[in-house]
PDB file of all heavy atoms in Angstrom:
ATOM      1  N   SER A   1     -18.917  -1.568 -13.766  1.00  0.00           N
ATOM      2  CA  SER A   1     -18.708  -2.939 -14.226  1.00  0.00           C
ATOM      3  C   SER A   1     -17.969  -3.683 -13.060  1.00  0.00           C
ATOM      4  O   SER A   1     -17.834  -4.801 -13.150  1.00  0.00           O
ATOM      5  CB  SER A   1     -17.847  -2.891 -15.485  1.00  0.00           C
ATOM      6  OG  SER A   1     -16.496  -2.313 -15.101  1.00  0.00           O
ATOM      7  N   GLY A   2     -17.801  -3.032 -11.963  1.00  0.00           N
ATOM      8  CA  GLY A   2     -17.186  -3.616 -10.788  1.00  0.00           C
ATOM      9  C   GLY A   2     -15.741  -3.163 -10.452  1.00  0.00           C
ATOM     10  O   GLY A   2     -15.458  -2.869  -9.308  1.00  0.00           O
ATOM     11  N   LYS A   3     -14.916  -2.996 -11.476  1.00  0.00           N
ATOM     12  CA  LYS A   3     -13.603  -2.505 -11.130  1.00  0.00           C
ATOM     13  C   LYS A   3     -13.130  -1.738 -12.318  1.00  0.00           C
ATOM     14  O   LYS A   3     -13.469  -1.923 -13.508  1.00  0.00           O
ATOM     15  CB  LYS A   3     -12.698  -3.608 -10.853  1.00  0.00           C
ATOM     16  CG  LYS A   3     -12.554  -4.744 -12.089  1.00  0.00           C
ATOM     17  CD  LYS A   3     -11.609  -5.826 -11.667  1.00  0.00           C
ATOM     18  CE  LYS A   3     -11.531  -6.776 -12.916  1.00  0.00           C
ATOM     19  NZ  LYS A   3     -10.729  -8.010 -12.576  1.00  0.00           N
ATOM     20  N   ALA A   4     -12.211  -0.813 -12.060  1.00  0.00           N
ATOM     21  CA  ALA A   4     -11.462   0.007 -13.097  1.00  0.00           C
ATOM     22  C   ALA A   4      -9.952  -0.295 -12.825  1.00  0.00           C
ATOM     23  O   ALA A   4      -9.446  -0.842 -11.851  1.00  0.00           O
ATOM     24  CB  ALA A   4     -11.745   1.446 -12.884  1.00  0.00           C
ATOM     25  N   ALA A   5      -9.062   0.208 -13.814  1.00  0.00           N
ATOM     26  CA  ALA A   5      -7.728   0.007 -13.708  1.00  0.00           C
ATOM     27  C   ALA A   5      -7.180   0.683 -12.410  1.00  0.00           C
ATOM     28  O   ALA A   5      -7.579   1.864 -12.148  1.00  0.00           O
ATOM     29  CB  ALA A   5      -6.970   0.630 -14.977  1.00  0.00           C
ATOM     30  N   GLY A   6      -6.381  -0.014 -11.687  1.00  0.00           N
ATOM     31  CA  GLY A   6      -5.840   0.551 -10.419  1.00  0.00           C
ATOM     32  C   GLY A   6      -4.356   0.725 -10.464  1.00  0.00           C
ATOM     33  O   GLY A   6      -3.770   0.854 -11.362  1.00  0.00           O
ATOM     34  N   PHE A   7      -3.810   0.989  -9.202  1.00  0.00           N
ATOM     35  CA  PHE A   7      -2.477   1.244  -9.056  1.00  0.00           C
ATOM     36  C   PHE A   7      -1.917   0.703  -7.680  1.00  0.00           C
ATOM     37  O   PHE A   7      -2.656   0.441  -6.825  1.00  0.00           O
ATOM     38  CB  PHE A   7      -2.216   2.747  -9.051  1.00  0.00           C
ATOM     39  CG  PHE A   7      -3.050   3.485  -8.055  1.00  0.00           C
ATOM     40  CD1 PHE A   7      -2.573   3.830  -6.811  1.00  0.00           C
ATOM     41  CD2 PHE A   7      -4.310   3.994  -8.360  1.00  0.00           C
ATOM     42  CE1 PHE A   7      -3.263   4.524  -5.883  1.00  0.00           C
ATOM     43  CE2 PHE A   7      -5.095   4.737  -7.523  1.00  0.00           C
ATOM     44  CZ  PHE A   7      -4.556   4.921  -6.177  1.00  0.00           C
ATOM     45  N   GLY A   8      -0.686   0.454  -7.704  1.00  0.00           N
ATOM     46  CA  GLY A   8      -0.059  -0.091  -6.431  1.00  0.00           C
ATOM     47  C   GLY A   8       0.860   0.883  -5.774  1.00  0.00           C
ATOM     48  O   GLY A   8       1.401   1.877  -6.369  1.00  0.00           O
ATOM     49  N   LEU A   9       1.085   0.679  -4.409  1.00  0.00           N
ATOM     50  CA  LEU A   9       1.929   1.577  -3.656  1.00  0.00           C
ATOM     51  C   LEU A   9       2.827   0.707  -2.710  1.00  0.00           C
ATOM     52  O   LEU A   9       2.287  -0.346  -2.312  1.00  0.00           O
ATOM     53  CB  LEU A   9       1.049   2.468  -2.821  1.00  0.00           C
ATOM     54  CG  LEU A   9       0.191   3.636  -3.581  1.00  0.00           C
ATOM     55  CD1 LEU A   9      -0.742   4.203  -2.687  1.00  0.00           C
ATOM     56  CD2 LEU A   9       1.145   4.642  -4.196  1.00  0.00           C
ATOM     57  N   THR A  10       3.952   1.200  -2.550  1.00  0.00           N
ATOM     58  CA  THR A  10       4.862   0.510  -1.466  1.00  0.00           C
ATOM     59  C   THR A  10       5.365   1.650  -0.594  1.00  0.00           C
ATOM     60  O   THR A  10       4.997   2.819  -0.703  1.00  0.00           O
ATOM     61  CB  THR A  10       6.096  -0.228  -2.096  1.00  0.00           C
ATOM     62  OG1 THR A  10       6.942   0.778  -2.611  1.00  0.00           O
ATOM     63  CG2 THR A  10       5.625  -1.149  -3.137  1.00  0.00           C
ATOM     64  N   GLN A  11       6.222   1.406   0.395  1.00  0.00           N
ATOM     65  CA  GLN A  11       6.846   2.407   1.175  1.00  0.00           C
ATOM     66  C   GLN A  11       7.810   3.242   0.431  1.00  0.00           C
ATOM     67  O   GLN A  11       7.973   4.503   0.797  1.00  0.00           O
ATOM     68  CB  GLN A  11       7.557   1.710   2.361  1.00  0.00           C
ATOM     69  CG  GLN A  11       6.705   0.851   3.297  1.00  0.00           C
ATOM     70  CD  GLN A  11       7.520   0.037   4.254  1.00  0.00           C
ATOM     71  OE1 GLN A  11       7.996   0.599   5.311  1.00  0.00           O
ATOM     72  NE2 GLN A  11       7.674  -1.180   3.990  1.00  0.00           N
ATOM     73  N   GLU A  12       8.411   2.615  -0.584  1.00  0.00           N
ATOM     74  CA  GLU A  12       9.415   3.425  -1.328  1.00  0.00           C
ATOM     75  C   GLU A  12       8.730   4.594  -2.072  1.00  0.00           C
ATOM     76  O   GLU A  12       7.690   4.511  -2.630  1.00  0.00           O
ATOM     77  CB  GLU A  12      10.024   2.607  -2.475  1.00  0.00           C
ATOM     78  CG  GLU A  12      11.330   3.126  -3.103  1.00  0.00           C
ATOM     79  CD  GLU A  12      12.468   3.031  -2.067  1.00  0.00           C
ATOM     80  OE1 GLU A  12      12.705   2.009  -1.438  1.00  0.00           O
ATOM     81  OE2 GLU A  12      13.265   4.120  -1.961  1.00  0.00           O
ATOM     82  N   GLY A  13       9.311   5.800  -1.865  1.00  0.00           N
ATOM     83  CA  GLY A  13       8.669   7.053  -2.425  1.00  0.00           C
ATOM     84  C   GLY A  13       7.588   7.552  -1.537  1.00  0.00           C
ATOM     85  O   GLY A  13       6.930   8.626  -1.914  1.00  0.00           O
ATOM     86  N   ASN A  14       7.351   7.012  -0.412  1.00  0.00           N
ATOM     87  CA  ASN A  14       6.256   7.417   0.392  1.00  0.00           C
ATOM     88  C   ASN A  14       6.617   7.596   1.887  1.00  0.00           C
ATOM     89  O   ASN A  14       6.026   7.216   2.766  1.00  0.00           O
ATOM     90  CB  ASN A  14       5.004   6.419   0.391  1.00  0.00           C
ATOM     91  CG  ASN A  14       4.184   6.475  -0.882  1.00  0.00           C
ATOM     92  OD1 ASN A  14       3.698   7.524  -1.241  1.00  0.00           O
ATOM     93  ND2 ASN A  14       4.288   5.379  -1.685  1.00  0.00           N
ATOM     94  N   GLY A  15       7.857   7.969   1.965  1.00  0.00           N
ATOM     95  CA  GLY A  15       8.540   8.309   3.248  1.00  0.00           C
ATOM     96  C   GLY A  15       9.239   7.128   3.936  1.00  0.00           C
ATOM     97  O   GLY A  15       9.637   7.320   5.087  1.00  0.00           O
ATOM     98  N   GLY A  16       9.296   6.022   3.281  1.00  0.00           N
ATOM     99  CA  GLY A  16       9.993   4.823   3.914  1.00  0.00           C
ATOM    100  C   GLY A  16      10.793   4.045   2.906  1.00  0.00           C
ATOM    101  O   GLY A  16      10.868   4.349   1.680  1.00  0.00           O
ATOM    102  N   GLY A  17      11.254   2.961   3.307  1.00  0.00           N
ATOM    103  CA  GLY A  17      12.054   2.010   2.448  1.00  0.00           C
ATOM    104  C   GLY A  17      11.425   0.725   2.558  1.00  0.00           C
ATOM    105  O   GLY A  17      10.884   0.319   3.531  1.00  0.00           O
ATOM    106  N   ASN A  18      11.674  -0.098   1.568  1.00  0.00           N
ATOM    107  CA  ASN A  18      11.124  -1.545   1.585  1.00  0.00           C
ATOM    108  C   ASN A  18      12.228  -2.480   2.160  1.00  0.00           C
ATOM    109  O   ASN A  18      13.137  -2.772   1.413  1.00  0.00           O
ATOM    110  CB  ASN A  18      10.798  -1.948   0.056  1.00  0.00           C
ATOM    111  CG  ASN A  18       9.770  -1.057  -0.558  1.00  0.00           C
ATOM    112  OD1 ASN A  18       8.706  -0.678   0.179  1.00  0.00           O
ATOM    113  ND2 ASN A  18       9.782  -0.758  -1.792  1.00  0.00           N
ATOM    114  N   GLU A  19      11.939  -2.998   3.289  1.00  0.00           N
ATOM    115  CA  GLU A  19      12.884  -3.873   3.938  1.00  0.00           C
ATOM    116  C   GLU A  19      12.144  -5.263   4.244  1.00  0.00           C
ATOM    117  O   GLU A  19      10.973  -5.264   4.411  1.00  0.00           O
ATOM    118  CB  GLU A  19      13.384  -3.326   5.254  1.00  0.00           C
ATOM    119  CG  GLU A  19      14.183  -2.035   5.163  1.00  0.00           C
ATOM    120  CD  GLU A  19      13.294  -0.821   5.380  1.00  0.00           C
ATOM    121  OE1 GLU A  19      12.215  -0.957   5.880  1.00  0.00           O
ATOM    122  OE2 GLU A  19      13.773   0.280   5.033  1.00  0.00           O
ATOM    123  N   ALA A  20      13.035  -6.272   4.155  1.00  0.00           N
ATOM    124  CA  ALA A  20      12.386  -7.553   4.486  1.00  0.00           C
ATOM    125  C   ALA A  20      11.573  -7.645   5.793  1.00  0.00           C
ATOM    126  O   ALA A  20      12.156  -7.152   6.812  1.00  0.00           O
ATOM    127  CB  ALA A  20      13.513  -8.674   4.555  1.00  0.00           C
ATOM    128  N   GLY A  21      10.527  -8.303   5.833  1.00  0.00           N
ATOM    129  CA  GLY A  21       9.805  -8.379   7.103  1.00  0.00           C
ATOM    130  C   GLY A  21       8.959  -7.174   7.509  1.00  0.00           C
ATOM    131  O   GLY A  21       8.232  -7.310   8.665  1.00  0.00           O
ATOM    132  N   ASP A  22       8.882  -6.121   6.773  1.00  0.00           N
ATOM    133  CA  ASP A  22       8.134  -4.996   7.250  1.00  0.00           C
ATOM    134  C   ASP A  22       6.594  -5.404   7.194  1.00  0.00           C
ATOM    135  O   ASP A  22       5.802  -4.847   7.994  1.00  0.00           O
ATOM    136  CB  ASP A  22       8.371  -3.765   6.137  1.00  0.00           C
ATOM    137  CG  ASP A  22       9.689  -3.025   6.482  1.00  0.00           C
ATOM    138  OD1 ASP A  22      10.248  -3.222   7.527  1.00  0.00           O
ATOM    139  OD2 ASP A  22       9.997  -2.177   5.666  1.00  0.00           O
ATOM    140  N   ASN A  23       6.221  -6.064   6.100  1.00  0.00           N
ATOM    141  CA  ASN A  23       4.873  -6.494   5.968  1.00  0.00           C
ATOM    142  C   ASN A  23       3.875  -5.340   5.924  1.00  0.00           C
ATOM    143  O   ASN A  23       2.805  -5.274   6.422  1.00  0.00           O
ATOM    144  CB  ASN A  23       4.386  -7.417   7.103  1.00  0.00           C
ATOM    145  CG  ASN A  23       5.221  -8.749   7.133  1.00  0.00           C
ATOM    146  OD1 ASN A  23       5.369  -9.269   8.190  1.00  0.00           O
ATOM    147  ND2 ASN A  23       5.385  -9.301   6.023  1.00  0.00           N
ATOM    148  N   PHE A  24       4.315  -4.363   5.056  1.00  0.00           N
ATOM    149  CA  PHE A  24       3.421  -3.160   4.699  1.00  0.00           C
ATOM    150  C   PHE A  24       2.155  -3.761   4.082  1.00  0.00           C
ATOM    151  O   PHE A  24       2.116  -4.564   3.070  1.00  0.00           O
ATOM    152  CB  PHE A  24       4.200  -2.335   3.830  1.00  0.00           C
ATOM    153  CG  PHE A  24       3.529  -1.165   3.160  1.00  0.00           C
ATOM    154  CD1 PHE A  24       3.351   0.050   3.784  1.00  0.00           C
ATOM    155  CD2 PHE A  24       3.018  -1.231   1.866  1.00  0.00           C
ATOM    156  CE1 PHE A  24       2.662   0.989   3.175  1.00  0.00           C
ATOM    157  CE2 PHE A  24       2.327  -0.231   1.225  1.00  0.00           C
ATOM    158  CZ  PHE A  24       2.228   1.025   1.941  1.00  0.00           C
ATOM    159  N   GLY A  25       0.994  -3.396   4.584  1.00  0.00           N
ATOM    160  CA  GLY A  25      -0.178  -3.877   3.986  1.00  0.00           C
ATOM    161  C   GLY A  25      -0.898  -5.002   4.774  1.00  0.00           C
ATOM    162  O   GLY A  25      -1.771  -5.607   4.334  1.00  0.00           O
ATOM    163  N   THR A  26      -0.358  -5.363   5.953  1.00  0.00           N
ATOM    164  CA  THR A  26      -0.856  -6.342   6.932  1.00  0.00           C
ATOM    165  C   THR A  26      -2.328  -6.014   7.374  1.00  0.00           C
ATOM    166  O   THR A  26      -3.203  -6.798   7.374  1.00  0.00           O
ATOM    167  CB  THR A  26      -0.042  -6.592   8.136  1.00  0.00           C
ATOM    168  OG1 THR A  26       1.228  -7.059   7.657  1.00  0.00           O
ATOM    169  CG2 THR A  26      -0.705  -7.498   9.171  1.00  0.00           C
ATOM    170  N   ALA A  27      -2.500  -4.739   7.571  1.00  0.00           N
ATOM    171  CA  ALA A  27      -3.843  -4.267   8.011  1.00  0.00           C
ATOM    172  C   ALA A  27      -4.280  -2.967   7.316  1.00  0.00           C
ATOM    173  O   ALA A  27      -3.239  -2.174   6.914  1.00  0.00           O
ATOM    174  CB  ALA A  27      -3.861  -3.971   9.503  1.00  0.00           C
ATOM    175  N   LEU A  28      -5.491  -2.775   6.967  1.00  0.00           N
ATOM    176  CA  LEU A  28      -6.006  -1.620   6.198  1.00  0.00           C
ATOM    177  C   LEU A  28      -7.166  -1.065   6.848  1.00  0.00           C
ATOM    178  O   LEU A  28      -8.005  -1.838   7.425  1.00  0.00           O
ATOM    179  CB  LEU A  28      -6.224  -1.972   4.727  1.00  0.00           C
ATOM    180  CG  LEU A  28      -5.177  -2.615   3.918  1.00  0.00           C
ATOM    181  CD1 LEU A  28      -5.866  -3.264   2.665  1.00  0.00           C
ATOM    182  CD2 LEU A  28      -4.137  -1.644   3.526  1.00  0.00           C
ATOM    183  N   ALA A  29      -7.427   0.240   6.820  1.00  0.00           N
ATOM    184  CA  ALA A  29      -8.652   0.883   7.257  1.00  0.00           C
ATOM    185  C   ALA A  29      -8.833   2.139   6.493  1.00  0.00           C
ATOM    186  O   ALA A  29      -7.972   2.835   6.186  1.00  0.00           O
ATOM    187  CB  ALA A  29      -8.517   1.129   8.841  1.00  0.00           C
ATOM    188  N   VAL A  30     -10.165   2.447   6.223  1.00  0.00           N
ATOM    189  CA  VAL A  30     -10.456   3.671   5.481  1.00  0.00           C
ATOM    190  C   VAL A  30     -11.347   4.544   6.415  1.00  0.00           C
ATOM    191  O   VAL A  30     -12.241   4.137   7.050  1.00  0.00           O
ATOM    192  CB  VAL A  30     -11.224   3.214   4.156  1.00  0.00           C
ATOM    193  CG1 VAL A  30     -11.818   4.487   3.602  1.00  0.00           C
ATOM    194  CG2 VAL A  30     -10.276   2.550   3.265  1.00  0.00           C
ATOM    195  N   GLY A  31     -11.065   5.826   6.533  1.00  0.00           N
ATOM    196  CA  GLY A  31     -11.898   6.842   7.175  1.00  0.00           C
ATOM    197  C   GLY A  31     -11.572   8.178   6.758  1.00  0.00           C
ATOM    198  O   GLY A  31     -10.410   8.473   6.260  1.00  0.00           O
ATOM    199  N   ASN A  32     -12.414   9.152   6.892  1.00  0.00           N
ATOM    200  CA  ASN A  32     -12.237  10.517   6.483  1.00  0.00           C
ATOM    201  C   ASN A  32     -11.542  11.276   7.602  1.00  0.00           C
ATOM    202  O   ASN A  32     -12.278  11.950   8.387  1.00  0.00           O
ATOM    203  CB  ASN A  32     -13.529  11.165   5.956  1.00  0.00           C
ATOM    204  CG  ASN A  32     -13.263  12.424   5.267  1.00  0.00           C
ATOM    205  OD1 ASN A  32     -12.116  12.985   5.177  1.00  0.00           O
ATOM    206  ND2 ASN A  32     -14.307  13.142   4.783  1.00  0.00           N
TER     207      ASN A  32
END
């Protein structure tokens, strides 16, 4: 149908912390 229910991620809980100006998600790339 195009899309299924998704999920979000931040730095918190993934080895980092959420600080002002980090701009996590500015660039993305996919590869195996």
